[in-house]
Amino acid sequence: MKKVLTVAAVVEVATGMALLIVPSLVGRLLFGAEFTGVANPAARVTGIALLALGVGCWPGSTARCGMLTYGALATRYRAYFGVTGEWVGPLLWPAVLLHAILTALLARAWFQSRTPH
């Protein structure tokens, strides 16, 4: 069962990386049409989620590690849009703030779990 989970993790990480790097190509190969407009950033957030899923399912990893990966990458990516002024909706900055807080809490819990008591 571990081998199947490892293979699944590798596939999810590869798909996530492809969505991050070349979302339009993935759209063309999967759906027969390139992503355009807001579909590209949405596909990249999906890529971040798949990458985090793969990290969380990696042998020896934890769900916390997967969520920490997602939170850190999603916060940074969304903040980039806010700073550049591209694709900014009314809930963008609240979402950035919420993800930053959750990521900080996850990071704190992760560091506390790694220190001997």
PDB file of N, CA and C in Angstrom:
ATOM      1  N   MET A   1       0.813  -1.191   0.000  1.00  0.00           N
ATOM      2  CA  MET A   1       0.000   0.000   0.000  1.00  0.00           C
ATOM      3  C   MET A   1       0.862   1.263   0.000  1.00  0.00           C
ATOM      4  N   LYS A   2       2.018   1.204   0.692  1.00  0.00           N
ATOM      5  CA  LYS A   2       2.904   2.368   0.720  1.00  0.00           C
ATOM      6  C   LYS A   2       3.415   2.723  -0.670  1.00  0.00           C
ATOM      7  N   LYS A   3       3.675   1.698  -1.477  1.00  0.00           N
ATOM      8  CA  LYS A   3       4.167   1.964  -2.832  1.00  0.00           C
ATOM      9  C   LYS A   3       3.110   2.676  -3.665  1.00  0.00           C
ATOM     10  N   VAL A   4       1.861   2.274  -3.513  1.00  0.00           N
ATOM     11  CA  VAL A   4       0.777   2.914  -4.262  1.00  0.00           C
ATOM     12  C   VAL A   4       0.634   4.374  -3.828  1.00  0.00           C
ATOM     13  N   LEU A   5       0.716   4.627  -2.534  1.00  0.00           N
ATOM     14  CA  LEU A   5       0.624   5.991  -2.022  1.00  0.00           C
ATOM     15  C   LEU A   5       1.794   6.834  -2.507  1.00  0.00           C
ATOM     16  N   THR A   6       2.969   6.249  -2.556  1.00  0.00           N
ATOM     17  CA  THR A   6       4.141   6.970  -3.061  1.00  0.00           C
ATOM     18  C   THR A   6       3.978   7.316  -4.530  1.00  0.00           C
ATOM     19  N   VAL A   7       3.494   6.366  -5.325  1.00  0.00           N
ATOM     20  CA  VAL A   7       3.259   6.628  -6.747  1.00  0.00           C
ATOM     21  C   VAL A   7       2.220   7.726  -6.911  1.00  0.00           C
ATOM     22  N   ALA A   8       1.142   7.658  -6.127  1.00  0.00           N
ATOM     23  CA  ALA A   8       0.111   8.690  -6.193  1.00  0.00           C
ATOM     24  C   ALA A   8       0.685  10.055  -5.822  1.00  0.00           C
ATOM     25  N   ALA A   9       1.532  10.097  -4.797  1.00  0.00           N
ATOM     26  CA  ALA A   9       2.148  11.355  -4.377  1.00  0.00           C
ATOM     27  C   ALA A   9       3.017  11.930  -5.495  1.00  0.00           C
ATOM     28  N   VAL A  10       3.787  11.088  -6.153  1.00  0.00           N
ATOM     29  CA  VAL A  10       4.652  11.534  -7.251  1.00  0.00           C
ATOM     30  C   VAL A  10       3.805  12.088  -8.397  1.00  0.00           C
ATOM     31  N   VAL A  11       2.719  11.396  -8.731  1.00  0.00           N
ATOM     32  CA  VAL A  11       1.848  11.851  -9.815  1.00  0.00           C
ATOM     33  C   VAL A  11       1.219  13.200  -9.466  1.00  0.00           C
ATOM     34  N   GLU A  12       0.755  13.367  -8.223  1.00  0.00           N
ATOM     35  CA  GLU A  12       0.138  14.631  -7.820  1.00  0.00           C
ATOM     36  C   GLU A  12       1.156  15.776  -7.824  1.00  0.00           C
ATOM     37  N   VAL A  13       2.362  15.514  -7.352  1.00  0.00           N
ATOM     38  CA  VAL A  13       3.403  16.546  -7.361  1.00  0.00           C
ATOM     39  C   VAL A  13       3.737  16.929  -8.807  1.00  0.00           C
ATOM     40  N   ALA A  14       3.873  15.947  -9.682  1.00  0.00           N
ATOM     41  CA  ALA A  14       4.183  16.228 -11.091  1.00  0.00           C
ATOM     42  C   ALA A  14       3.063  17.035 -11.751  1.00  0.00           C
ATOM     43  N   THR A  15       1.827  16.659 -11.500  1.00  0.00           N
ATOM     44  CA  THR A  15       0.694  17.394 -12.070  1.00  0.00           C
ATOM     45  C   THR A  15       0.634  18.809 -11.504  1.00  0.00           C
ATOM     46  N   GLY A  16       0.853  18.930 -10.208  1.00  0.00           N
ATOM     47  CA  GLY A  16       0.866  20.252  -9.589  1.00  0.00           C
ATOM     48  C   GLY A  16       1.947  21.147 -10.160  1.00  0.00           C
ATOM     49  N   MET A  17       3.137  20.595 -10.343  1.00  0.00           N
ATOM     50  CA  MET A  17       4.236  21.376 -10.928  1.00  0.00           C
ATOM     51  C   MET A  17       3.902  21.793 -12.359  1.00  0.00           C
ATOM     52  N   ALA A  18       3.302  20.887 -13.120  1.00  0.00           N
ATOM     53  CA  ALA A  18       2.917  21.224 -14.492  1.00  0.00           C
ATOM     54  C   ALA A  18       1.896  22.365 -14.504  1.00  0.00           C
ATOM     55  N   LEU A  19       0.918  22.306 -13.596  1.00  0.00           N
ATOM     56  CA  LEU A  19      -0.075  23.384 -13.525  1.00  0.00           C
ATOM     57  C   LEU A  19       0.564  24.704 -13.105  1.00  0.00           C
ATOM     58  N   LEU A  20       1.569  24.650 -12.267  1.00  0.00           N
ATOM     59  CA  LEU A  20       2.263  25.877 -11.854  1.00  0.00           C
ATOM     60  C   LEU A  20       3.092  26.470 -12.988  1.00  0.00           C
ATOM     61  N   ILE A  21       3.753  25.610 -13.738  1.00  0.00           N
ATOM     62  CA  ILE A  21       4.711  26.075 -14.742  1.00  0.00           C
ATOM     63  C   ILE A  21       4.053  26.371 -16.088  1.00  0.00           C
ATOM     64  N   VAL A  22       3.206  25.476 -16.562  1.00  0.00           N
ATOM     65  CA  VAL A  22       2.581  25.629 -17.889  1.00  0.00           C
ATOM     66  C   VAL A  22       1.084  25.304 -17.828  1.00  0.00           C
ATOM     67  N   PRO A  23       0.308  26.130 -17.135  1.00  0.00           N
ATOM     68  CA  PRO A  23      -1.114  25.806 -16.974  1.00  0.00           C
ATOM     69  C   PRO A  23      -1.872  25.695 -18.295  1.00  0.00           C
ATOM     70  N   SER A  24      -1.554  26.529 -19.270  1.00  0.00           N
ATOM     71  CA  SER A  24      -2.263  26.467 -20.549  1.00  0.00           C
ATOM     72  C   SER A  24      -2.018  25.149 -21.279  1.00  0.00           C
ATOM     73  N   LEU A  25      -0.794  24.643 -21.196  1.00  0.00           N
ATOM     74  CA  LEU A  25      -0.487  23.353 -21.823  1.00  0.00           C
ATOM     75  C   LEU A  25      -1.279  22.235 -21.159  1.00  0.00           C
ATOM     76  N   VAL A  26      -1.350  22.254 -19.841  1.00  0.00           N
ATOM     77  CA  VAL A  26      -2.127  21.238 -19.118  1.00  0.00           C
ATOM     78  C   VAL A  26      -3.593  21.323 -19.527  1.00  0.00           C
ATOM     79  N   GLY A  27      -4.114  22.544 -19.609  1.00  0.00           N
ATOM     80  CA  GLY A  27      -5.503  22.720 -20.055  1.00  0.00           C
ATOM     81  C   GLY A  27      -5.730  22.165 -21.443  1.00  0.00           C
ATOM     82  N   ARG A  28      -4.797  22.428 -22.337  1.00  0.00           N
ATOM     83  CA  ARG A  28      -4.921  21.936 -23.713  1.00  0.00           C
ATOM     84  C   ARG A  28      -4.862  20.414 -23.753  1.00  0.00           C
ATOM     85  N   LEU A  29      -3.964  19.818 -22.976  1.00  0.00           N
ATOM     86  CA  LEU A  29      -3.825  18.359 -22.984  1.00  0.00           C
ATOM     87  C   LEU A  29      -4.985  17.653 -22.290  1.00  0.00           C
ATOM     88  N   LEU A  30      -5.517  18.246 -21.212  1.00  0.00           N
ATOM     89  CA  LEU A  30      -6.613  17.615 -20.480  1.00  0.00           C
ATOM     90  C   LEU A  30      -7.982  17.917 -21.066  1.00  0.00           C
ATOM     91  N   PHE A  31      -8.204  19.171 -21.472  1.00  0.00           N
ATOM     92  CA  PHE A  31      -9.539  19.606 -21.860  1.00  0.00           C
ATOM     93  C   PHE A  31      -9.664  20.017 -23.327  1.00  0.00           C
ATOM     94  N   GLY A  32      -8.552  20.005 -24.047  1.00  0.00           N
ATOM     95  CA  GLY A  32      -8.589  20.365 -25.457  1.00  0.00           C
ATOM     96  C   GLY A  32      -8.677  21.862 -25.698  1.00  0.00           C
ATOM     97  N   ALA A  33      -8.464  22.671 -24.672  1.00  0.00           N
ATOM     98  CA  ALA A  33      -8.492  24.124 -24.810  1.00  0.00           C
ATOM     99  C   ALA A  33      -7.518  24.738 -23.809  1.00  0.00           C
ATOM    100  N   GLU A  34      -6.857  25.809 -24.239  1.00  0.00           N
ATOM    101  CA  GLU A  34      -5.926  26.478 -23.335  1.00  0.00           C
ATOM    102  C   GLU A  34      -6.687  27.286 -22.301  1.00  0.00           C
ATOM    103  N   PHE A  35      -6.105  27.377 -21.110  1.00  0.00           N
ATOM    104  CA  PHE A  35      -6.657  28.258 -20.090  1.00  0.00           C
ATOM    105  C   PHE A  35      -6.344  29.696 -20.495  1.00  0.00           C
ATOM    106  N   THR A  36      -7.294  30.576 -20.313  1.00  0.00           N
ATOM    107  CA  THR A  36      -7.073  31.995 -20.587  1.00  0.00           C
ATOM    108  C   THR A  36      -7.632  32.808 -19.432  1.00  0.00           C
ATOM    109  N   GLY A  37      -7.202  34.058 -19.347  1.00  0.00           N
ATOM    110  CA  GLY A  37      -7.717  34.960 -18.324  1.00  0.00           C
ATOM    111  C   GLY A  37      -7.485  34.440 -16.922  1.00  0.00           C
ATOM    112  N   VAL A  38      -8.527  34.541 -16.110  1.00  0.00           N
ATOM    113  CA  VAL A  38      -8.428  34.160 -14.701  1.00  0.00           C
ATOM    114  C   VAL A  38      -8.250  32.649 -14.527  1.00  0.00           C
ATOM    115  N   ALA A  39      -8.458  31.869 -15.569  1.00  0.00           N
ATOM    116  CA  ALA A  39      -8.259  30.414 -15.466  1.00  0.00           C
ATOM    117  C   ALA A  39      -6.800  30.069 -15.180  1.00  0.00           C
ATOM    118  N   ASN A  40      -5.857  30.874 -15.659  1.00  0.00           N
ATOM    119  CA  ASN A  40      -4.445  30.587 -15.398  1.00  0.00           C
ATOM    120  C   ASN A  40      -4.088  30.688 -13.920  1.00  0.00           C
ATOM    121  N   PRO A  41      -4.427  31.789 -13.217  1.00  0.00           N
ATOM    122  CA  PRO A  41      -4.122  31.807 -11.789  1.00  0.00           C
ATOM    123  C   PRO A  41      -4.919  30.767 -11.007  1.00  0.00           C
ATOM    124  N   ALA A  42      -6.151  30.498 -11.424  1.00  0.00           N
ATOM    125  CA  ALA A  42      -6.937  29.458 -10.741  1.00  0.00           C
ATOM    126  C   ALA A  42      -6.279  28.091 -10.927  1.00  0.00           C
ATOM    127  N   ALA A  43      -5.770  27.830 -12.124  1.00  0.00           N
ATOM    128  CA  ALA A  43      -5.073  26.566 -12.377  1.00  0.00           C
ATOM    129  C   ALA A  43      -3.801  26.477 -11.541  1.00  0.00           C
ATOM    130  N   ARG A  44      -3.114  27.588 -11.365  1.00  0.00           N
ATOM    131  CA  ARG A  44      -1.892  27.575 -10.554  1.00  0.00           C
ATOM    132  C   ARG A  44      -2.199  27.329  -9.079  1.00  0.00           C
ATOM    133  N   VAL A  45      -3.296  27.882  -8.566  1.00  0.00           N
ATOM    134  CA  VAL A  45      -3.685  27.599  -7.182  1.00  0.00           C
ATOM    135  C   VAL A  45      -4.037  26.109  -7.058  1.00  0.00           C
ATOM    136  N   THR A  46      -4.683  25.563  -8.073  1.00  0.00           N
ATOM    137  CA  THR A  46      -4.949  24.121  -8.091  1.00  0.00           C
ATOM    138  C   THR A  46      -3.640  23.342  -8.102  1.00  0.00           C
ATOM    139  N   GLY A  47      -2.666  23.823  -8.853  1.00  0.00           N
ATOM    140  CA  GLY A  47      -1.348  23.193  -8.867  1.00  0.00           C
ATOM    141  C   GLY A  47      -0.690  23.214  -7.500  1.00  0.00           C
ATOM    142  N   ILE A  48      -0.838  24.335  -6.796  1.00  0.00           N
ATOM    143  CA  ILE A  48      -0.301  24.430  -5.435  1.00  0.00           C
ATOM    144  C   ILE A  48      -0.973  23.398  -4.541  1.00  0.00           C
ATOM    145  N   ALA A  49      -2.297  23.263  -4.683  1.00  0.00           N
ATOM    146  CA  ALA A  49      -3.036  22.292  -3.866  1.00  0.00           C
ATOM    147  C   ALA A  49      -2.591  20.864  -4.167  1.00  0.00           C
ATOM    148  N   LEU A  50      -2.383  20.532  -5.444  1.00  0.00           N
ATOM    149  CA  LEU A  50      -1.926  19.181  -5.791  1.00  0.00           C
ATOM    150  C   LEU A  50      -0.508  18.930  -5.297  1.00  0.00           C
ATOM    151  N   LEU A  51       0.329  19.931  -5.381  1.00  0.00           N
ATOM    152  CA  LEU A  51       1.693  19.808  -4.854  1.00  0.00           C
ATOM    153  C   LEU A  51       1.657  19.538  -3.351  1.00  0.00           C
ATOM    154  N   ALA A  52       0.821  20.276  -2.631  1.00  0.00           N
ATOM    155  CA  ALA A  52       0.699  20.081  -1.180  1.00  0.00           C
ATOM    156  C   ALA A  52       0.113  18.715  -0.854  1.00  0.00           C
ATOM    157  N   LEU A  53      -0.838  18.258  -1.668  1.00  0.00           N
ATOM    158  CA  LEU A  53      -1.407  16.920  -1.464  1.00  0.00           C
ATOM    159  C   LEU A  53      -0.321  15.862  -1.611  1.00  0.00           C
ATOM    160  N   GLY A  54       0.502  16.021  -2.626  1.00  0.00           N
ATOM    161  CA  GLY A  54       1.614  15.091  -2.817  1.00  0.00           C
ATOM    162  C   GLY A  54       2.594  15.122  -1.661  1.00  0.00           C
ATOM    163  N   VAL A  55       2.888  16.315  -1.155  1.00  0.00           N
ATOM    164  CA  VAL A  55       3.793  16.443   0.003  1.00  0.00           C
ATOM    165  C   VAL A  55       3.188  15.755   1.221  1.00  0.00           C
ATOM    166  N   GLY A  56       1.890  15.974   1.451  1.00  0.00           N
ATOM    167  CA  GLY A  56       1.228  15.379   2.604  1.00  0.00           C
ATOM    168  C   GLY A  56       1.140  13.861   2.540  1.00  0.00           C
ATOM    169  N   CYS A  57       1.131  13.308   1.319  1.00  0.00           N
ATOM    170  CA  CYS A  57       1.029  11.856   1.144  1.00  0.00           C
ATOM    171  C   CYS A  57       2.386  11.182   0.998  1.00  0.00           C
ATOM    172  N   TRP A  58       3.444  11.976   0.954  1.00  0.00           N
ATOM    173  CA  TRP A  58       4.791  11.423   0.797  1.00  0.00           C
ATOM    174  C   TRP A  58       5.117  10.548   2.006  1.00  0.00           C
ATOM    175  N   PRO A  59       5.796   9.418   1.797  1.00  0.00           N
ATOM    176  CA  PRO A  59       6.157   8.560   2.935  1.00  0.00           C
ATOM    177  C   PRO A  59       6.946   9.337   3.993  1.00  0.00           C
ATOM    178  N   GLY A  60       6.515   9.213   5.224  1.00  0.00           N
ATOM    179  CA  GLY A  60       7.176   9.896   6.326  1.00  0.00           C
ATOM    180  C   GLY A  60       6.682  11.312   6.552  1.00  0.00           C
ATOM    181  N   SER A  61       5.833  11.804   5.670  1.00  0.00           N
ATOM    182  CA  SER A  61       5.301  13.147   5.822  1.00  0.00           C
ATOM    183  C   SER A  61       3.992  13.097   6.611  1.00  0.00           C
ATOM    184  N   THR A  62       3.437  14.260   6.882  1.00  0.00           N
ATOM    185  CA  THR A  62       2.186  14.340   7.632  1.00  0.00           C
ATOM    186  C   THR A  62       1.222  15.287   6.923  1.00  0.00           C
ATOM    187  N   ALA A  63      -0.032  15.209   7.323  1.00  0.00           N
ATOM    188  CA  ALA A  63      -1.029  16.140   6.802  1.00  0.00           C
ATOM    189  C   ALA A  63      -0.631  17.573   7.154  1.00  0.00           C
ATOM    190  N   ARG A  64      -0.065  17.773   8.344  1.00  0.00           N
ATOM    191  CA  ARG A  64       0.375  19.107   8.752  1.00  0.00           C
ATOM    192  C   ARG A  64       1.406  19.661   7.779  1.00  0.00           C
ATOM    193  N   CYS A  65       2.315  18.815   7.342  1.00  0.00           N
ATOM    194  CA  CYS A  65       3.344  19.254   6.397  1.00  0.00           C
ATOM    195  C   CYS A  65       2.708  19.640   5.058  1.00  0.00           C
ATOM    196  N   GLY A  66       1.728  18.864   4.616  1.00  0.00           N
ATOM    197  CA  GLY A  66       1.023  19.182   3.379  1.00  0.00           C
ATOM    198  C   GLY A  66       0.272  20.499   3.487  1.00  0.00           C
ATOM    199  N   MET A  67      -0.413  20.713   4.611  1.00  0.00           N
ATOM    200  CA  MET A  67      -1.153  21.956   4.809  1.00  0.00           C
ATOM    201  C   MET A  67      -0.211  23.150   4.954  1.00  0.00           C
ATOM    202  N   LEU A  68       0.917  22.932   5.582  1.00  0.00           N
ATOM    203  CA  LEU A  68       1.913  23.995   5.706  1.00  0.00           C
ATOM    204  C   LEU A  68       2.452  24.377   4.328  1.00  0.00           C
ATOM    205  N   THR A  69       2.699  23.388   3.499  1.00  0.00           N
ATOM    206  CA  THR A  69       3.157  23.645   2.133  1.00  0.00           C
ATOM    207  C   THR A  69       2.111  24.452   1.375  1.00  0.00           C
ATOM    208  N   TYR A  70       0.833  24.010   1.441  1.00  0.00           N
ATOM    209  CA  TYR A  70      -0.230  24.727   0.748  1.00  0.00           C
ATOM    210  C   TYR A  70      -0.359  26.154   1.268  1.00  0.00           C
ATOM    211  N   GLY A  71      -0.395  26.302   2.567  1.00  0.00           N
ATOM    212  CA  GLY A  71      -0.583  27.633   3.144  1.00  0.00           C
ATOM    213  C   GLY A  71       0.527  28.599   2.750  1.00  0.00           C
ATOM    214  N   ALA A  72       1.760  28.147   2.833  1.00  0.00           N
ATOM    215  CA  ALA A  72       2.892  29.021   2.509  1.00  0.00           C
ATOM    216  C   ALA A  72       2.881  29.422   1.032  1.00  0.00           C
ATOM    217  N   LEU A  73       2.668  28.454   0.152  1.00  0.00           N
ATOM    218  CA  LEU A  73       2.683  28.755  -1.284  1.00  0.00           C
ATOM    219  C   LEU A  73       1.464  29.566  -1.714  1.00  0.00           C
ATOM    220  N   ALA A  74       0.286  29.212  -1.208  1.00  0.00           N
ATOM    221  CA  ALA A  74      -0.934  29.937  -1.582  1.00  0.00           C
ATOM    222  C   ALA A  74      -0.899  31.370  -1.062  1.00  0.00           C
ATOM    223  N   THR A  75      -0.391  31.574   0.141  1.00  0.00           N
ATOM    224  CA  THR A  75      -0.279  32.926   0.697  1.00  0.00           C
ATOM    225  C   THR A  75       0.633  33.772  -0.181  1.00  0.00           C
ATOM    226  N   ARG A  76       1.768  33.224  -0.504  1.00  0.00           N
ATOM    227  CA  ARG A  76       2.738  33.979  -1.307  1.00  0.00           C
ATOM    228  C   ARG A  76       2.193  34.289  -2.701  1.00  0.00           C
ATOM    229  N   TYR A  77       1.543  33.304  -3.328  1.00  0.00           N
ATOM    230  CA  TYR A  77       1.025  33.502  -4.680  1.00  0.00           C
ATOM    231  C   TYR A  77      -0.084  34.549  -4.691  1.00  0.00           C
ATOM    232  N   ARG A  78      -0.997  34.461  -3.736  1.00  0.00           N
ATOM    233  CA  ARG A  78      -2.091  35.439  -3.689  1.00  0.00           C
ATOM    234  C   ARG A  78      -1.575  36.833  -3.331  1.00  0.00           C
ATOM    235  N   ALA A  79      -0.606  36.913  -2.430  1.00  0.00           N
ATOM    236  CA  ALA A  79      -0.031  38.215  -2.078  1.00  0.00           C
ATOM    237  C   ALA A  79       0.637  38.856  -3.295  1.00  0.00           C
ATOM    238  N   TYR A  80       1.230  38.042  -4.139  1.00  0.00           N
ATOM    239  CA  TYR A  80       1.839  38.542  -5.378  1.00  0.00           C
ATOM    240  C   TYR A  80       0.799  39.285  -6.211  1.00  0.00           C
ATOM    241  N   PHE A  81      -0.398  38.709  -6.325  1.00  0.00           N
ATOM    242  CA  PHE A  81      -1.450  39.379  -7.087  1.00  0.00           C
ATOM    243  C   PHE A  81      -1.854  40.695  -6.445  1.00  0.00           C
ATOM    244  N   GLY A  82      -1.934  40.705  -5.130  1.00  0.00           N
ATOM    245  CA  GLY A  82      -2.292  41.936  -4.442  1.00  0.00           C
ATOM    246  C   GLY A  82      -1.266  43.032  -4.629  1.00  0.00           C
ATOM    247  N   VAL A  83       0.002  42.664  -4.579  1.00  0.00           N
ATOM    248  CA  VAL A  83       1.084  43.641  -4.722  1.00  0.00           C
ATOM    249  C   VAL A  83       1.163  44.167  -6.150  1.00  0.00           C
ATOM    250  N   THR A  84       0.995  43.287  -7.119  1.00  0.00           N
ATOM    251  CA  THR A  84       1.088  43.715  -8.520  1.00  0.00           C
ATOM    252  C   THR A  84      -0.202  44.366  -9.017  1.00  0.00           C
ATOM    253  N   GLY A  85      -1.289  44.205  -8.261  1.00  0.00           N
ATOM    254  CA  GLY A  85      -2.555  44.795  -8.670  1.00  0.00           C
ATOM    255  C   GLY A  85      -3.277  44.003  -9.740  1.00  0.00           C
ATOM    256  N   GLU A  86      -2.824  42.786  -9.970  1.00  0.00           N
ATOM    257  CA  GLU A  86      -3.420  41.935 -10.996  1.00  0.00           C
ATOM    258  C   GLU A  86      -4.390  40.954 -10.338  1.00  0.00           C
ATOM    259  N   TRP A  87      -5.582  40.817 -10.895  1.00  0.00           N
ATOM    260  CA  TRP A  87      -6.579  39.878 -10.400  1.00  0.00           C
ATOM    261  C   TRP A  87      -6.910  40.112  -8.934  1.00  0.00           C
ATOM    262  N   VAL A  88      -7.243  41.337  -8.580  1.00  0.00           N
ATOM    263  CA  VAL A  88      -7.540  41.676  -7.191  1.00  0.00           C
ATOM    264  C   VAL A  88      -9.047  41.842  -7.009  1.00  0.00           C
ATOM    265  N   GLY A  89      -9.635  40.926  -6.253  1.00  0.00           N
ATOM    266  CA  GLY A  89     -11.046  41.029  -5.903  1.00  0.00           C
ATOM    267  C   GLY A  89     -11.176  41.495  -4.464  1.00  0.00           C
ATOM    268  N   PRO A  90     -12.399  41.743  -4.002  1.00  0.00           N
ATOM    269  CA  PRO A  90     -12.582  42.278  -2.652  1.00  0.00           C
ATOM    270  C   PRO A  90     -12.166  41.328  -1.531  1.00  0.00           C
ATOM    271  N   LEU A  91     -12.087  40.044  -1.800  1.00  0.00           N
ATOM    272  CA  LEU A  91     -11.703  39.092  -0.754  1.00  0.00           C
ATOM    273  C   LEU A  91     -10.253  38.627  -0.859  1.00  0.00           C
ATOM    274  N   LEU A  92      -9.494  39.203  -1.791  1.00  0.00           N
ATOM    275  CA  LEU A  92      -8.106  38.749  -1.957  1.00  0.00           C
ATOM    276  C   LEU A  92      -7.283  38.985  -0.689  1.00  0.00           C
ATOM    277  N   TRP A  93      -7.244  40.210  -0.190  1.00  0.00           N
ATOM    278  CA  TRP A  93      -6.401  40.490   0.977  1.00  0.00           C
ATOM    279  C   TRP A  93      -6.896  39.787   2.240  1.00  0.00           C
ATOM    280  N   PRO A  94      -8.217  39.699   2.475  1.00  0.00           N
ATOM    281  CA  PRO A  94      -8.641  38.880   3.614  1.00  0.00           C
ATOM    282  C   PRO A  94      -8.204  37.420   3.483  1.00  0.00           C
ATOM    283  N   ALA A  95      -8.235  36.880   2.254  1.00  0.00           N
ATOM    284  CA  ALA A  95      -7.776  35.500   2.040  1.00  0.00           C
ATOM    285  C   ALA A  95      -6.279  35.383   2.302  1.00  0.00           C
ATOM    286  N   VAL A  96      -5.506  36.369   1.854  1.00  0.00           N
ATOM    287  CA  VAL A  96      -4.060  36.368   2.117  1.00  0.00           C
ATOM    288  C   VAL A  96      -3.807  36.393   3.619  1.00  0.00           C
ATOM    289  N   LEU A  97      -4.511  37.269   4.326  1.00  0.00           N
ATOM    290  CA  LEU A  97      -4.328  37.387   5.771  1.00  0.00           C
ATOM    291  C   LEU A  97      -4.710  36.089   6.490  1.00  0.00           C
ATOM    292  N   LEU A  98      -5.849  35.516   6.120  1.00  0.00           N
ATOM    293  CA  LEU A  98      -6.283  34.265   6.742  1.00  0.00           C
ATOM    294  C   LEU A  98      -5.273  33.149   6.499  1.00  0.00           C
ATOM    295  N   HIS A  99      -4.798  33.024   5.265  1.00  0.00           N
ATOM    296  CA  HIS A  99      -3.807  31.981   4.963  1.00  0.00           C
ATOM    297  C   HIS A  99      -2.488  32.243   5.683  1.00  0.00           C
ATOM    298  N   ALA A 100      -2.099  33.495   5.810  1.00  0.00           N
ATOM    299  CA  ALA A 100      -0.859  33.822   6.528  1.00  0.00           C
ATOM    300  C   ALA A 100      -0.974  33.429   7.996  1.00  0.00           C
ATOM    301  N   ILE A 101      -2.117  33.720   8.614  1.00  0.00           N
ATOM    302  CA  ILE A 101      -2.321  33.363  10.026  1.00  0.00           C
ATOM    303  C   ILE A 101      -2.308  31.846  10.198  1.00  0.00           C
ATOM    304  N   LEU A 102      -3.066  31.139   9.347  1.00  0.00           N
ATOM    305  CA  LEU A 102      -3.098  29.679   9.448  1.00  0.00           C
ATOM    306  C   LEU A 102      -1.719  29.070   9.201  1.00  0.00           C
ATOM    307  N   THR A 103      -0.985  29.617   8.253  1.00  0.00           N
ATOM    308  CA  THR A 103       0.355  29.114   7.969  1.00  0.00           C
ATOM    309  C   THR A 103       1.278  29.342   9.167  1.00  0.00           C
ATOM    310  N   ALA A 104       1.178  30.509   9.792  1.00  0.00           N
ATOM    311  CA  ALA A 104       2.001  30.794  10.977  1.00  0.00           C
ATOM    312  C   ALA A 104       1.654  29.826  12.111  1.00  0.00           C
ATOM    313  N   LEU A 105       0.373  29.556  12.315  1.00  0.00           N
ATOM    314  CA  LEU A 105      -0.029  28.613  13.364  1.00  0.00           C
ATOM    315  C   LEU A 105       0.459  27.198  13.059  1.00  0.00           C
ATOM    316  N   LEU A 106       0.344  26.788  11.798  1.00  0.00           N
ATOM    317  CA  LEU A 106       0.839  25.460  11.405  1.00  0.00           C
ATOM    318  C   LEU A 106       2.353  25.368  11.576  1.00  0.00           C
ATOM    319  N   ALA A 107       3.054  26.424  11.190  1.00  0.00           N
ATOM    320  CA  ALA A 107       4.520  26.423  11.328  1.00  0.00           C
ATOM    321  C   ALA A 107       4.915  26.342  12.799  1.00  0.00           C
ATOM    322  N   ARG A 108       4.226  27.097  13.637  1.00  0.00           N
ATOM    323  CA  ARG A 108       4.522  27.043  15.070  1.00  0.00           C
ATOM    324  C   ARG A 108       4.288  25.640  15.626  1.00  0.00           C
ATOM    325  N   ALA A 109       3.167  25.030  15.258  1.00  0.00           N
ATOM    326  CA  ALA A 109       2.879  23.669  15.718  1.00  0.00           C
ATOM    327  C   ALA A 109       3.920  22.690  15.194  1.00  0.00           C
ATOM    328  N   TRP A 110       4.369  22.882  13.961  1.00  0.00           N
ATOM    329  CA  TRP A 110       5.368  21.986  13.379  1.00  0.00           C
ATOM    330  C   TRP A 110       6.697  22.118  14.125  1.00  0.00           C
ATOM    331  N   PHE A 111       7.118  23.357  14.386  1.00  0.00           N
ATOM    332  CA  PHE A 111       8.380  23.564  15.110  1.00  0.00           C
ATOM    333  C   PHE A 111       8.292  23.032  16.541  1.00  0.00           C
ATOM    334  N   GLN A 112       7.159  23.217  17.191  1.00  0.00           N
ATOM    335  CA  GLN A 112       7.002  22.702  18.552  1.00  0.00           C
ATOM    336  C   GLN A 112       7.022  21.173  18.582  1.00  0.00           C
ATOM    337  N   SER A 113       6.505  20.531  17.553  1.00  0.00           N
ATOM    338  CA  SER A 113       6.505  19.078  17.508  1.00  0.00           C
ATOM    339  C   SER A 113       7.897  18.510  17.256  1.00  0.00           C
ATOM    340  N   ARG A 114       8.781  19.311  16.718  1.00  0.00           N
ATOM    341  CA  ARG A 114      10.131  18.860  16.397  1.00  0.00           C
ATOM    342  C   ARG A 114      11.125  19.087  17.533  1.00  0.00           C
ATOM    343  N   THR A 115      10.772  19.913  18.505  1.00  0.00           N
ATOM    344  CA  THR A 115      11.683  20.163  19.615  1.00  0.00           C
ATOM    345  C   THR A 115      11.423  19.163  20.727  1.00  0.00           C
ATOM    346  N   PRO A 116      12.489  18.561  21.261  1.00  0.00           N
ATOM    347  CA  PRO A 116      12.302  17.592  22.346  1.00  0.00           C
ATOM    348  C   PRO A 116      11.791  18.262  23.615  1.00  0.00           C
ATOM    349  N   HIS A 117      10.923  17.580  24.325  1.00  0.00           N
ATOM    350  CA  HIS A 117      10.345  18.125  25.566  1.00  0.00           C
ATOM    351  C   HIS A 117      11.026  17.556  26.769  1.00  0.00           C
TER     352      HIS A 117
END
